[in-house]
Amino acid sequence: MYNGEKLNPEQFVRDAVKEISEQVGSDTVVLGLSGGVDSTVTAVLVDKAIGKRLVCIFVDHGLLRKNEFEDVLEHYKSLGLNVKGVRAADRFFAALKGVTDPELKRKAIGKTFIDVRADEARKISGARCRAQGAFWPEIAESHSDKGVIKSHHNVGGLPDDLDFGLVEPLKYLYKYEVRQVGACLGLSSHFLGRHPFPGPGLGVRCLEECTPERIHILQEADAIFIDALRREGLYDKIWQAGAILLPVLSTGIKDGRRCFDNVVALRAVNSVDAVTAEVIDLPFEFLQKVCKDIVAQVEGVGRVVYDISPKPPATIEWE
């Protein structure tokens, strides 16, 4: 996608570092990190261009995977990035209270991200630019000539009183090209092989209203699924996987008594560019074992299903 030609990662890095340096000048850049590959590659690129004048903000919005905030923050510090961790789950859950429409949910999460990061940016002396890790499919889905397919929290702006320049070094790349650039920058294959994770986090995998209680259920079920994929050597064979908490209750039997519990869907797909995706044919015995573990270990879940819908017509995320 880059310049309409096959990507040369080394040349891209040289060009990007030069362009970032020229664009930013002597200013300080603020970058909201998500924990994903795109924002991390962006951070390393900008850091390579301007060093400690890059200030990264990693927000715990309460919608991350289990233990994700602590683990990822430690990884960022090991990369030598100038990063500040901000816990803001209460603000996000307040913004999501009563919200069930998928697009309104994304907008509420996106606006709260902007507000939290703006509050932090105002504390940073000399900040005049912001960087973001949006890549091509996100740009296309957010600005399609056929209308918005879905909003992406990192394709937007800051409040009008923060007139920051925008640094988007990856905006013409596909995901696989972003990974090539990351490898060229020396990021580990373990990190670059991480599955894509939506900016709104589990907020778009928890259908209907997101409450702390429902997100906790989803975090636990998701952790069992992802841990099992890693343990069985399946994780690296998959583009993206995760659990989804459905807005339905299902009758079941636990300890000889009738229960009325939540339903969790599991999803695992392969893709190259996130524009299309095919379902993974996971071993049936594996799915059975994961189902039993989730139902037995996660309070409030009574049924597990597996999503076999390709993209299109279904998107990779459910919302």
C-alpha atoms as a PDB file:
ATOM      1  CA  MET A   1       0.000   0.000   0.000  1.00  0.00           C
ATOM      2  CA  TYR A   2       2.865   2.385   0.829  1.00  0.00           C
ATOM      3  CA  ASN A   3       3.282   4.708  -2.195  1.00  0.00           C
ATOM      4  CA  GLY A   4       1.484   2.053  -4.244  1.00  0.00           C
ATOM      5  CA  GLU A   5       4.600  -0.133  -4.167  1.00  0.00           C
ATOM      6  CA  LYS A   6       5.831  -3.162  -2.249  1.00  0.00           C
ATOM      7  CA  LEU A   7       7.069  -2.038   1.139  1.00  0.00           C
ATOM      8  CA  ASN A   8      10.793  -1.808   1.785  1.00  0.00           C
ATOM      9  CA  PRO A   9      10.855  -1.700   5.624  1.00  0.00           C
ATOM     10  CA  GLU A  10      14.369  -0.282   5.932  1.00  0.00           C
ATOM     11  CA  GLN A  11      13.638   2.521   3.479  1.00  0.00           C
ATOM     12  CA  PHE A  12      10.282   3.180   5.136  1.00  0.00           C
ATOM     13  CA  VAL A  13      11.937   3.585   8.546  1.00  0.00           C
ATOM     14  CA  ARG A  14      14.535   5.998   7.137  1.00  0.00           C
ATOM     15  CA  ASP A  15      11.842   8.039   5.379  1.00  0.00           C
ATOM     16  CA  ALA A  16       9.499   8.026   8.377  1.00  0.00           C
ATOM     17  CA  VAL A  17      12.182   9.106  10.853  1.00  0.00           C
ATOM     18  CA  LYS A  18      13.239  11.961   8.549  1.00  0.00           C
ATOM     19  CA  GLU A  19       9.629  13.080   7.967  1.00  0.00           C
ATOM     20  CA  ILE A  20       8.775  12.931  11.675  1.00  0.00           C
ATOM     21  CA  SER A  21      11.873  14.953  12.585  1.00  0.00           C
ATOM     22  CA  GLU A  22      11.041  17.611   9.996  1.00  0.00           C
ATOM     23  CA  GLN A  23       7.365  17.758  10.941  1.00  0.00           C
ATOM     24  CA  VAL A  24       7.907  17.935  14.695  1.00  0.00           C
ATOM     25  CA  GLY A  25      10.930  20.205  14.819  1.00  0.00           C
ATOM     26  CA  SER A  26      11.744  21.018  18.445  1.00  0.00           C
ATOM     27  CA  ASP A  27       8.243  20.293  19.773  1.00  0.00           C
ATOM     28  CA  THR A  28       7.207  17.558  22.179  1.00  0.00           C
ATOM     29  CA  VAL A  29       4.907  14.796  20.883  1.00  0.00           C
ATOM     30  CA  VAL A  30       2.158  13.076  22.870  1.00  0.00           C
ATOM     31  CA  LEU A  31       1.217   9.523  21.882  1.00  0.00           C
ATOM     32  CA  GLY A  32      -1.607   7.464  23.321  1.00  0.00           C
ATOM     33  CA  LEU A  33      -0.416   3.867  23.510  1.00  0.00           C
ATOM     34  CA  SER A  34      -2.975   1.070  23.306  1.00  0.00           C
ATOM     35  CA  GLY A  35      -0.788  -1.947  24.004  1.00  0.00           C
ATOM     36  CA  GLY A  36      -1.110  -3.122  20.403  1.00  0.00           C
ATOM     37  CA  VAL A  37       1.378  -3.487  17.585  1.00  0.00           C
ATOM     38  CA  ASP A  38       0.345  -0.344  15.677  1.00  0.00           C
ATOM     39  CA  SER A  39       0.748   2.217  18.450  1.00  0.00           C
ATOM     40  CA  THR A  40       3.924   0.513  19.678  1.00  0.00           C
ATOM     41  CA  VAL A  41       5.560   0.589  16.242  1.00  0.00           C
ATOM     42  CA  THR A  42       4.529   4.241  15.977  1.00  0.00           C
ATOM     43  CA  ALA A  43       6.054   4.960  19.392  1.00  0.00           C
ATOM     44  CA  VAL A  44       9.373   3.315  18.503  1.00  0.00           C
ATOM     45  CA  LEU A  45       9.491   5.212  15.185  1.00  0.00           C
ATOM     46  CA  VAL A  46       8.816   8.569  16.847  1.00  0.00           C
ATOM     47  CA  ASP A  47      11.240   7.768  19.666  1.00  0.00           C
ATOM     48  CA  LYS A  48      13.890   7.017  17.048  1.00  0.00           C
ATOM     49  CA  ALA A  49      13.238  10.441  15.517  1.00  0.00           C
ATOM     50  CA  ILE A  50      12.989  12.676  18.595  1.00  0.00           C
ATOM     51  CA  GLY A  51      13.917  10.580  21.649  1.00  0.00           C
ATOM     52  CA  LYS A  52      12.587  11.674  25.045  1.00  0.00           C
ATOM     53  CA  ARG A  53      10.574  14.499  23.521  1.00  0.00           C
ATOM     54  CA  LEU A  54       8.035  11.756  22.897  1.00  0.00           C
ATOM     55  CA  VAL A  55       5.720  11.326  25.892  1.00  0.00           C
ATOM     56  CA  CYS A  56       3.569   8.183  25.750  1.00  0.00           C
ATOM     57  CA  ILE A  57       0.323   7.804  27.679  1.00  0.00           C
ATOM     58  CA  PHE A  58      -1.002   4.309  28.348  1.00  0.00           C
ATOM     59  CA  VAL A  59      -4.555   4.407  29.676  1.00  0.00           C
ATOM     60  CA  ASP A  60      -6.207   1.665  31.698  1.00  0.00           C
ATOM     61  CA  HIS A  61      -9.817   2.098  30.584  1.00  0.00           C
ATOM     62  CA  GLY A  62     -11.014  -0.961  32.468  1.00  0.00           C
ATOM     63  CA  LEU A  63     -11.672  -2.743  29.160  1.00  0.00           C
ATOM     64  CA  LEU A  64      -8.266  -4.365  28.737  1.00  0.00           C
ATOM     65  CA  ARG A  65      -7.618  -8.091  28.945  1.00  0.00           C
ATOM     66  CA  LYS A  66      -6.893  -9.671  32.312  1.00  0.00           C
ATOM     67  CA  ASN A  67      -3.630  -8.257  33.797  1.00  0.00           C
ATOM     68  CA  GLU A  68      -2.974  -6.416  30.514  1.00  0.00           C
ATOM     69  CA  PHE A  69      -2.276  -2.992  31.995  1.00  0.00           C
ATOM     70  CA  GLU A  70       0.540  -4.112  34.287  1.00  0.00           C
ATOM     71  CA  ASP A  71       2.113  -6.513  31.771  1.00  0.00           C
ATOM     72  CA  VAL A  72       2.116  -4.093  28.833  1.00  0.00           C
ATOM     73  CA  LEU A  73       3.291  -1.119  30.881  1.00  0.00           C
ATOM     74  CA  GLU A  74       6.298  -3.144  31.999  1.00  0.00           C
ATOM     75  CA  HIS A  75       7.020  -4.104  28.375  1.00  0.00           C
ATOM     76  CA  TYR A  76       6.930  -0.465  27.269  1.00  0.00           C
ATOM     77  CA  LYS A  77       9.387   0.519  29.962  1.00  0.00           C
ATOM     78  CA  SER A  78      11.706  -2.298  28.867  1.00  0.00           C
ATOM     79  CA  LEU A  79      11.728  -0.728  25.379  1.00  0.00           C
ATOM     80  CA  GLY A  80      13.065   2.481  26.889  1.00  0.00           C
ATOM     81  CA  LEU A  81       9.961   4.491  26.003  1.00  0.00           C
ATOM     82  CA  ASN A  82       9.029   7.564  28.024  1.00  0.00           C
ATOM     83  CA  VAL A  83       5.620   6.283  29.153  1.00  0.00           C
ATOM     84  CA  LYS A  84       3.091   7.232  31.816  1.00  0.00           C
ATOM     85  CA  GLY A  85       0.406   4.779  32.960  1.00  0.00           C
ATOM     86  CA  VAL A  86      -2.989   6.319  33.767  1.00  0.00           C
ATOM     87  CA  ARG A  87      -5.771   4.438  35.555  1.00  0.00           C
ATOM     88  CA  ALA A  88      -9.118   5.795  34.385  1.00  0.00           C
ATOM     89  CA  ALA A  89     -11.556   2.859  34.445  1.00  0.00           C
ATOM     90  CA  ASP A  90     -14.120   4.764  36.520  1.00  0.00           C
ATOM     91  CA  ARG A  91     -14.369   7.527  33.902  1.00  0.00           C
ATOM     92  CA  PHE A  92     -14.943   5.024  31.098  1.00  0.00           C
ATOM     93  CA  PHE A  93     -17.570   3.011  32.937  1.00  0.00           C
ATOM     94  CA  ALA A  94     -19.373   6.256  33.836  1.00  0.00           C
ATOM     95  CA  ALA A  95     -19.384   7.262  30.144  1.00  0.00           C
ATOM     96  CA  LEU A  96     -20.701   3.810  29.165  1.00  0.00           C
ATOM     97  CA  LYS A  97     -23.466   3.644  31.741  1.00  0.00           C
ATOM     98  CA  GLY A  98     -26.730   2.798  29.977  1.00  0.00           C
ATOM     99  CA  VAL A  99     -25.108   2.771  26.497  1.00  0.00           C
ATOM    100  CA  THR A 100     -25.994  -0.257  24.363  1.00  0.00           C
ATOM    101  CA  ASP A 101     -25.787   0.937  20.746  1.00  0.00           C
ATOM    102  CA  PRO A 102     -22.447  -0.275  19.262  1.00  0.00           C
ATOM    103  CA  GLU A 103     -21.603   2.980  17.484  1.00  0.00           C
ATOM    104  CA  LEU A 104     -22.542   5.133  20.478  1.00  0.00           C
ATOM    105  CA  LYS A 105     -20.446   2.840  22.656  1.00  0.00           C
ATOM    106  CA  ARG A 106     -17.400   3.307  20.396  1.00  0.00           C
ATOM    107  CA  LYS A 107     -17.933   7.065  20.382  1.00  0.00           C
ATOM    108  CA  ALA A 108     -18.275   7.186  24.175  1.00  0.00           C
ATOM    109  CA  ILE A 109     -15.042   5.237  24.578  1.00  0.00           C
ATOM    110  CA  GLY A 110     -13.289   7.362  21.938  1.00  0.00           C
ATOM    111  CA  LYS A 111     -14.421  10.636  23.507  1.00  0.00           C
ATOM    112  CA  THR A 112     -13.313   9.522  26.951  1.00  0.00           C
ATOM    113  CA  PHE A 113      -9.926   8.522  25.524  1.00  0.00           C
ATOM    114  CA  ILE A 114      -9.622  12.010  24.049  1.00  0.00           C
ATOM    115  CA  ASP A 115     -10.634  13.646  27.325  1.00  0.00           C
ATOM    116  CA  VAL A 116      -8.240  11.562  29.454  1.00  0.00           C
ATOM    117  CA  ARG A 117      -5.336  12.061  27.077  1.00  0.00           C
ATOM    118  CA  ALA A 118      -6.113  15.768  26.755  1.00  0.00           C
ATOM    119  CA  ASP A 119      -6.002  16.139  30.533  1.00  0.00           C
ATOM    120  CA  GLU A 120      -2.593  14.454  30.556  1.00  0.00           C
ATOM    121  CA  ALA A 121      -1.344  16.395  27.515  1.00  0.00           C
ATOM    122  CA  ARG A 122      -2.100  19.703  29.220  1.00  0.00           C
ATOM    123  CA  LYS A 123       0.372  18.714  31.927  1.00  0.00           C
ATOM    124  CA  ILE A 124       3.216  18.230  29.420  1.00  0.00           C
ATOM    125  CA  SER A 125       5.386  21.268  28.774  1.00  0.00           C
ATOM    126  CA  GLY A 126       6.125  22.000  25.113  1.00  0.00           C
ATOM    127  CA  ALA A 127       3.589  19.508  23.725  1.00  0.00           C
ATOM    128  CA  ARG A 128       2.487  20.683  20.274  1.00  0.00           C
ATOM    129  CA  CYS A 129       1.960  17.441  18.352  1.00  0.00           C
ATOM    130  CA  ARG A 130       0.232  14.130  18.875  1.00  0.00           C
ATOM    131  CA  ALA A 131       1.021  10.844  17.217  1.00  0.00           C
ATOM    132  CA  GLN A 132      -1.298   7.921  16.614  1.00  0.00           C
ATOM    133  CA  GLY A 133      -0.923   4.427  15.217  1.00  0.00           C
ATOM    134  CA  ALA A 134      -3.877   4.336  12.851  1.00  0.00           C
ATOM    135  CA  PHE A 135      -3.209   2.115   9.838  1.00  0.00           C
ATOM    136  CA  TRP A 136      -4.922   1.964   6.467  1.00  0.00           C
ATOM    137  CA  PRO A 137      -8.013  -0.255   7.095  1.00  0.00           C
ATOM    138  CA  GLU A 138      -8.912   1.875  10.148  1.00  0.00           C
ATOM    139  CA  ILE A 139      -8.658   5.055   8.098  1.00  0.00           C
ATOM    140  CA  ALA A 140     -10.756   3.509   5.334  1.00  0.00           C
ATOM    141  CA  GLU A 141     -13.497   2.207   7.663  1.00  0.00           C
ATOM    142  CA  SER A 142     -13.747   5.520   9.502  1.00  0.00           C
ATOM    143  CA  HIS A 143     -13.799   7.700   6.358  1.00  0.00           C
ATOM    144  CA  SER A 144     -15.437   5.547   3.666  1.00  0.00           C
ATOM    145  CA  ASP A 145     -17.198   7.371   0.808  1.00  0.00           C
ATOM    146  CA  LYS A 146     -20.142   5.066   1.588  1.00  0.00           C
ATOM    147  CA  GLY A 147     -20.320   6.301   5.160  1.00  0.00           C
ATOM    148  CA  VAL A 148     -18.686   5.263   8.404  1.00  0.00           C
ATOM    149  CA  ILE A 149     -18.542   1.479   8.758  1.00  0.00           C
ATOM    150  CA  LYS A 150     -17.418   1.805  12.370  1.00  0.00           C
ATOM    151  CA  SER A 151     -15.609   4.461  14.355  1.00  0.00           C
ATOM    152  CA  HIS A 152     -12.041   3.848  15.521  1.00  0.00           C
ATOM    153  CA  HIS A 153     -10.970   5.576  18.707  1.00  0.00           C
ATOM    154  CA  ASN A 154      -7.533   6.423  17.334  1.00  0.00           C
ATOM    155  CA  VAL A 155      -8.916   8.048  14.188  1.00  0.00           C
ATOM    156  CA  GLY A 156     -10.018  11.368  15.588  1.00  0.00           C
ATOM    157  CA  GLY A 157      -8.818  14.528  17.260  1.00  0.00           C
ATOM    158  CA  LEU A 158      -8.216  16.345  20.496  1.00  0.00           C
ATOM    159  CA  PRO A 159     -10.359  19.205  21.829  1.00  0.00           C
ATOM    160  CA  ASP A 160     -10.234  22.482  19.903  1.00  0.00           C
ATOM    161  CA  ASP A 161      -8.249  24.186  22.660  1.00  0.00           C
ATOM    162  CA  LEU A 162      -5.409  21.738  22.004  1.00  0.00           C
ATOM    163  CA  ASP A 163      -4.391  22.659  18.475  1.00  0.00           C
ATOM    164  CA  PHE A 164      -1.874  19.848  18.027  1.00  0.00           C
ATOM    165  CA  GLY A 165      -0.263  18.747  14.801  1.00  0.00           C
ATOM    166  CA  LEU A 166      -0.897  15.124  13.847  1.00  0.00           C
ATOM    167  CA  VAL A 167       1.826  12.532  13.250  1.00  0.00           C
ATOM    168  CA  GLU A 168       0.546   9.346  11.532  1.00  0.00           C
ATOM    169  CA  PRO A 169       3.500   7.433  10.091  1.00  0.00           C
ATOM    170  CA  LEU A 170       1.548   4.196   9.490  1.00  0.00           C
ATOM    171  CA  LYS A 171      -1.576   5.585   7.858  1.00  0.00           C
ATOM    172  CA  TYR A 172      -0.865   4.057   4.424  1.00  0.00           C
ATOM    173  CA  LEU A 173       0.214   0.622   5.691  1.00  0.00           C
ATOM    174  CA  TYR A 174      -1.643  -2.642   6.146  1.00  0.00           C
ATOM    175  CA  LYS A 175      -1.232  -4.644   9.360  1.00  0.00           C
ATOM    176  CA  TYR A 176       1.278  -7.097   7.881  1.00  0.00           C
ATOM    177  CA  GLU A 177       3.361  -4.142   6.672  1.00  0.00           C
ATOM    178  CA  VAL A 178       3.239  -2.593  10.143  1.00  0.00           C
ATOM    179  CA  ARG A 179       4.671  -5.849  11.502  1.00  0.00           C
ATOM    180  CA  GLN A 180       7.443  -5.754   8.881  1.00  0.00           C
ATOM    181  CA  VAL A 181       8.366  -2.248  10.022  1.00  0.00           C
ATOM    182  CA  GLY A 182       8.282  -3.388  13.654  1.00  0.00           C
ATOM    183  CA  ALA A 183      10.675  -6.234  12.884  1.00  0.00           C
ATOM    184  CA  CYS A 184      13.005  -3.787  11.136  1.00  0.00           C
ATOM    185  CA  LEU A 185      12.938  -1.653  14.299  1.00  0.00           C
ATOM    186  CA  GLY A 186      14.009  -4.642  16.380  1.00  0.00           C
ATOM    187  CA  LEU A 187      10.740  -5.447  18.156  1.00  0.00           C
ATOM    188  CA  SER A 188      10.591  -9.070  19.288  1.00  0.00           C
ATOM    189  CA  SER A 189       8.706 -11.666  17.277  1.00  0.00           C
ATOM    190  CA  HIS A 190       6.782 -12.516  20.457  1.00  0.00           C
ATOM    191  CA  PHE A 191       5.415  -8.983  20.643  1.00  0.00           C
ATOM    192  CA  LEU A 192       4.878  -8.543  16.895  1.00  0.00           C
ATOM    193  CA  GLY A 193       2.992 -11.839  16.834  1.00  0.00           C
ATOM    194  CA  ARG A 194       0.417 -10.584  19.314  1.00  0.00           C
ATOM    195  CA  HIS A 195      -3.109 -10.695  17.980  1.00  0.00           C
ATOM    196  CA  PRO A 196      -4.726  -7.390  17.031  1.00  0.00           C
ATOM    197  CA  PHE A 197      -6.825  -5.981  19.862  1.00  0.00           C
ATOM    198  CA  PRO A 198      -9.502  -3.323  19.283  1.00  0.00           C
ATOM    199  CA  GLY A 199      -8.867   0.187  20.566  1.00  0.00           C
ATOM    200  CA  PRO A 200     -12.151   0.154  22.532  1.00  0.00           C
ATOM    201  CA  GLY A 201     -10.936  -3.100  24.057  1.00  0.00           C
ATOM    202  CA  LEU A 202     -13.447  -5.513  25.485  1.00  0.00           C
ATOM    203  CA  GLY A 203     -16.040  -2.772  25.166  1.00  0.00           C
ATOM    204  CA  VAL A 204     -16.820  -4.036  21.665  1.00  0.00           C
ATOM    205  CA  ARG A 205     -16.728  -7.671  22.794  1.00  0.00           C
ATOM    206  CA  CYS A 206     -19.196  -7.099  25.621  1.00  0.00           C
ATOM    207  CA  LEU A 207     -22.484  -6.702  23.780  1.00  0.00           C
ATOM    208  CA  GLU A 208     -25.128  -4.405  25.269  1.00  0.00           C
ATOM    209  CA  GLU A 209     -24.097  -2.367  28.337  1.00  0.00           C
ATOM    210  CA  CYS A 210     -20.552  -2.594  29.663  1.00  0.00           C
ATOM    211  CA  THR A 211     -20.477  -2.806  33.438  1.00  0.00           C
ATOM    212  CA  PRO A 212     -17.490  -3.713  35.654  1.00  0.00           C
ATOM    213  CA  GLU A 213     -19.224  -6.970  36.516  1.00  0.00           C
ATOM    214  CA  ARG A 214     -19.846  -8.005  32.896  1.00  0.00           C
ATOM    215  CA  ILE A 215     -16.341  -6.996  31.822  1.00  0.00           C
ATOM    216  CA  HIS A 216     -14.895  -9.091  34.658  1.00  0.00           C
ATOM    217  CA  ILE A 217     -16.786 -12.149  33.396  1.00  0.00           C
ATOM    218  CA  LEU A 218     -15.486 -11.510  29.885  1.00  0.00           C
ATOM    219  CA  GLN A 219     -11.885 -11.004  31.053  1.00  0.00           C
ATOM    220  CA  GLU A 220     -11.915 -14.340  32.863  1.00  0.00           C
ATOM    221  CA  ALA A 221     -13.434 -16.272  29.934  1.00  0.00           C
ATOM    222  CA  ASP A 222     -11.097 -14.579  27.443  1.00  0.00           C
ATOM    223  CA  ALA A 223      -8.034 -15.397  29.572  1.00  0.00           C
ATOM    224  CA  ILE A 224      -8.945 -19.090  29.654  1.00  0.00           C
ATOM    225  CA  PHE A 225      -9.372 -19.149  25.857  1.00  0.00           C
ATOM    226  CA  ILE A 226      -6.145 -17.274  25.043  1.00  0.00           C
ATOM    227  CA  ASP A 227      -4.091 -19.219  27.595  1.00  0.00           C
ATOM    228  CA  ALA A 228      -5.372 -22.496  26.105  1.00  0.00           C
ATOM    229  CA  LEU A 229      -4.437 -21.372  22.572  1.00  0.00           C
ATOM    230  CA  ARG A 230      -0.895 -20.594  23.740  1.00  0.00           C
ATOM    231  CA  ARG A 231      -0.584 -23.810  25.712  1.00  0.00           C
ATOM    232  CA  GLU A 232      -1.687 -25.955  22.751  1.00  0.00           C
ATOM    233  CA  GLY A 233       0.597 -24.151  20.264  1.00  0.00           C
ATOM    234  CA  LEU A 234      -2.332 -22.659  18.354  1.00  0.00           C
ATOM    235  CA  TYR A 235      -1.933 -18.971  19.165  1.00  0.00           C
ATOM    236  CA  ASP A 236       0.736 -18.199  16.551  1.00  0.00           C
ATOM    237  CA  LYS A 237      -1.326 -19.916  13.831  1.00  0.00           C
ATOM    238  CA  ILE A 238      -4.175 -17.449  14.318  1.00  0.00           C
ATOM    239  CA  TRP A 239      -4.567 -13.817  13.240  1.00  0.00           C
ATOM    240  CA  GLN A 240      -6.987 -12.831  16.000  1.00  0.00           C
ATOM    241  CA  ALA A 241      -8.920 -14.605  18.719  1.00  0.00           C
ATOM    242  CA  GLY A 242     -11.011 -13.647  21.697  1.00  0.00           C
ATOM    243  CA  ALA A 243     -14.176 -14.166  23.678  1.00  0.00           C
ATOM    244  CA  ILE A 244     -17.417 -12.219  23.337  1.00  0.00           C
ATOM    245  CA  LEU A 245     -20.052 -11.829  26.046  1.00  0.00           C
ATOM    246  CA  LEU A 246     -23.511 -12.047  24.490  1.00  0.00           C
ATOM    247  CA  PRO A 247     -26.554 -10.087  25.696  1.00  0.00           C
ATOM    248  CA  VAL A 248     -28.584 -13.256  26.328  1.00  0.00           C
ATOM    249  CA  LEU A 249     -29.096 -15.641  29.227  1.00  0.00           C
ATOM    250  CA  SER A 250     -29.426 -19.387  28.821  1.00  0.00           C
ATOM    251  CA  THR A 251     -31.004 -22.034  31.015  1.00  0.00           C
ATOM    252  CA  GLY A 252     -28.602 -24.605  32.438  1.00  0.00           C
ATOM    253  CA  ILE A 253     -27.958 -26.950  35.336  1.00  0.00           C
ATOM    254  CA  LYS A 254     -25.228 -26.478  37.946  1.00  0.00           C
ATOM    255  CA  ASP A 255     -24.862 -28.545  41.106  1.00  0.00           C
ATOM    256  CA  GLY A 256     -28.175 -30.232  40.335  1.00  0.00           C
ATOM    257  CA  ARG A 257     -30.045 -26.929  40.279  1.00  0.00           C
ATOM    258  CA  ARG A 258     -31.489 -24.834  37.447  1.00  0.00           C
ATOM    259  CA  CYS A 259     -29.478 -21.722  36.563  1.00  0.00           C
ATOM    260  CA  PHE A 260     -29.949 -18.862  34.147  1.00  0.00           C
ATOM    261  CA  ASP A 261     -26.475 -17.733  33.087  1.00  0.00           C
ATOM    262  CA  ASN A 262     -24.600 -15.774  30.437  1.00  0.00           C
ATOM    263  CA  VAL A 263     -23.530 -17.066  27.029  1.00  0.00           C
ATOM    264  CA  VAL A 264     -19.955 -16.562  25.777  1.00  0.00           C
ATOM    265  CA  ALA A 265     -18.977 -16.826  22.113  1.00  0.00           C
ATOM    266  CA  LEU A 266     -15.424 -17.667  21.030  1.00  0.00           C
ATOM    267  CA  ARG A 267     -13.980 -16.288  17.792  1.00  0.00           C
ATOM    268  CA  ALA A 268     -10.742 -17.115  15.954  1.00  0.00           C
ATOM    269  CA  VAL A 269      -9.944 -15.934  12.422  1.00  0.00           C
ATOM    270  CA  ASN A 270      -7.099 -15.653   9.943  1.00  0.00           C
ATOM    271  CA  SER A 271      -6.510 -12.585   7.792  1.00  0.00           C
ATOM    272  CA  VAL A 272      -3.766 -10.731   5.963  1.00  0.00           C
ATOM    273  CA  ASP A 273      -5.027  -7.163   5.908  1.00  0.00           C
ATOM    274  CA  ALA A 274      -8.132  -7.156   8.177  1.00  0.00           C
ATOM    275  CA  VAL A 275     -10.279  -6.396   5.115  1.00  0.00           C
ATOM    276  CA  THR A 276     -11.360 -10.042   4.797  1.00  0.00           C
ATOM    277  CA  ALA A 277     -11.074 -12.928   7.275  1.00  0.00           C
ATOM    278  CA  GLU A 278     -11.659 -16.669   7.366  1.00  0.00           C
ATOM    279  CA  VAL A 279     -12.681 -18.726  10.389  1.00  0.00           C
ATOM    280  CA  ILE A 280     -10.139 -21.053  12.012  1.00  0.00           C
ATOM    281  CA  ASP A 281     -11.127 -24.717  12.141  1.00  0.00           C
ATOM    282  CA  LEU A 282     -10.073 -25.287  15.743  1.00  0.00           C
ATOM    283  CA  PRO A 283      -9.922 -28.936  16.897  1.00  0.00           C
ATOM    284  CA  PHE A 284     -13.259 -30.005  18.315  1.00  0.00           C
ATOM    285  CA  GLU A 285     -11.639 -31.610  21.348  1.00  0.00           C
ATOM    286  CA  PHE A 286      -9.868 -28.308  22.082  1.00  0.00           C
ATOM    287  CA  LEU A 287     -13.141 -26.370  21.923  1.00  0.00           C
ATOM    288  CA  GLN A 288     -14.835 -28.893  24.189  1.00  0.00           C
ATOM    289  CA  LYS A 289     -12.079 -28.556  26.780  1.00  0.00           C
ATOM    290  CA  VAL A 290     -12.108 -24.742  26.676  1.00  0.00           C
ATOM    291  CA  CYS A 291     -15.907 -24.732  26.988  1.00  0.00           C
ATOM    292  CA  LYS A 292     -15.805 -26.983  30.055  1.00  0.00           C
ATOM    293  CA  ASP A 293     -13.076 -24.862  31.666  1.00  0.00           C
ATOM    294  CA  ILE A 294     -14.938 -21.593  31.096  1.00  0.00           C
ATOM    295  CA  VAL A 295     -18.250 -22.907  32.420  1.00  0.00           C
ATOM    296  CA  ALA A 296     -16.572 -24.502  35.436  1.00  0.00           C
ATOM    297  CA  GLN A 297     -14.254 -21.613  36.335  1.00  0.00           C
ATOM    298  CA  VAL A 298     -16.141 -18.437  35.398  1.00  0.00           C
ATOM    299  CA  GLU A 299     -19.025 -17.611  37.679  1.00  0.00           C
ATOM    300  CA  GLY A 300     -22.069 -16.490  35.696  1.00  0.00           C
ATOM    301  CA  VAL A 301     -21.329 -18.341  32.424  1.00  0.00           C
ATOM    302  CA  GLY A 302     -23.487 -21.332  31.533  1.00  0.00           C
ATOM    303  CA  ARG A 303     -22.986 -21.832  27.811  1.00  0.00           C
ATOM    304  CA  VAL A 304     -20.173 -21.385  25.242  1.00  0.00           C
ATOM    305  CA  VAL A 305     -20.564 -21.214  21.434  1.00  0.00           C
ATOM    306  CA  TYR A 306     -18.076 -20.881  18.558  1.00  0.00           C
ATOM    307  CA  ASP A 307     -18.530 -18.226  15.857  1.00  0.00           C
ATOM    308  CA  ILE A 308     -17.988 -19.597  12.319  1.00  0.00           C
ATOM    309  CA  SER A 309     -18.854 -16.408  10.382  1.00  0.00           C
ATOM    310  CA  PRO A 310     -16.315 -15.102   7.811  1.00  0.00           C
ATOM    311  CA  LYS A 311     -15.658 -11.452   6.949  1.00  0.00           C
ATOM    312  CA  PRO A 312     -17.615 -10.432   4.956  1.00  0.00           C
ATOM    313  CA  PRO A 313     -20.442 -10.423   5.804  1.00  0.00           C
ATOM    314  CA  ALA A 314     -19.509 -10.458   9.501  1.00  0.00           C
ATOM    315  CA  THR A 315     -16.842  -8.102  10.804  1.00  0.00           C
ATOM    316  CA  ILE A 316     -13.999  -9.563  12.855  1.00  0.00           C
ATOM    317  CA  GLU A 317     -15.297  -7.855  15.993  1.00  0.00           C
ATOM    318  CA  TRP A 318     -18.950  -8.268  16.884  1.00  0.00           C
ATOM    319  CA  GLU A 319     -19.519  -4.525  17.346  1.00  0.00           C
END
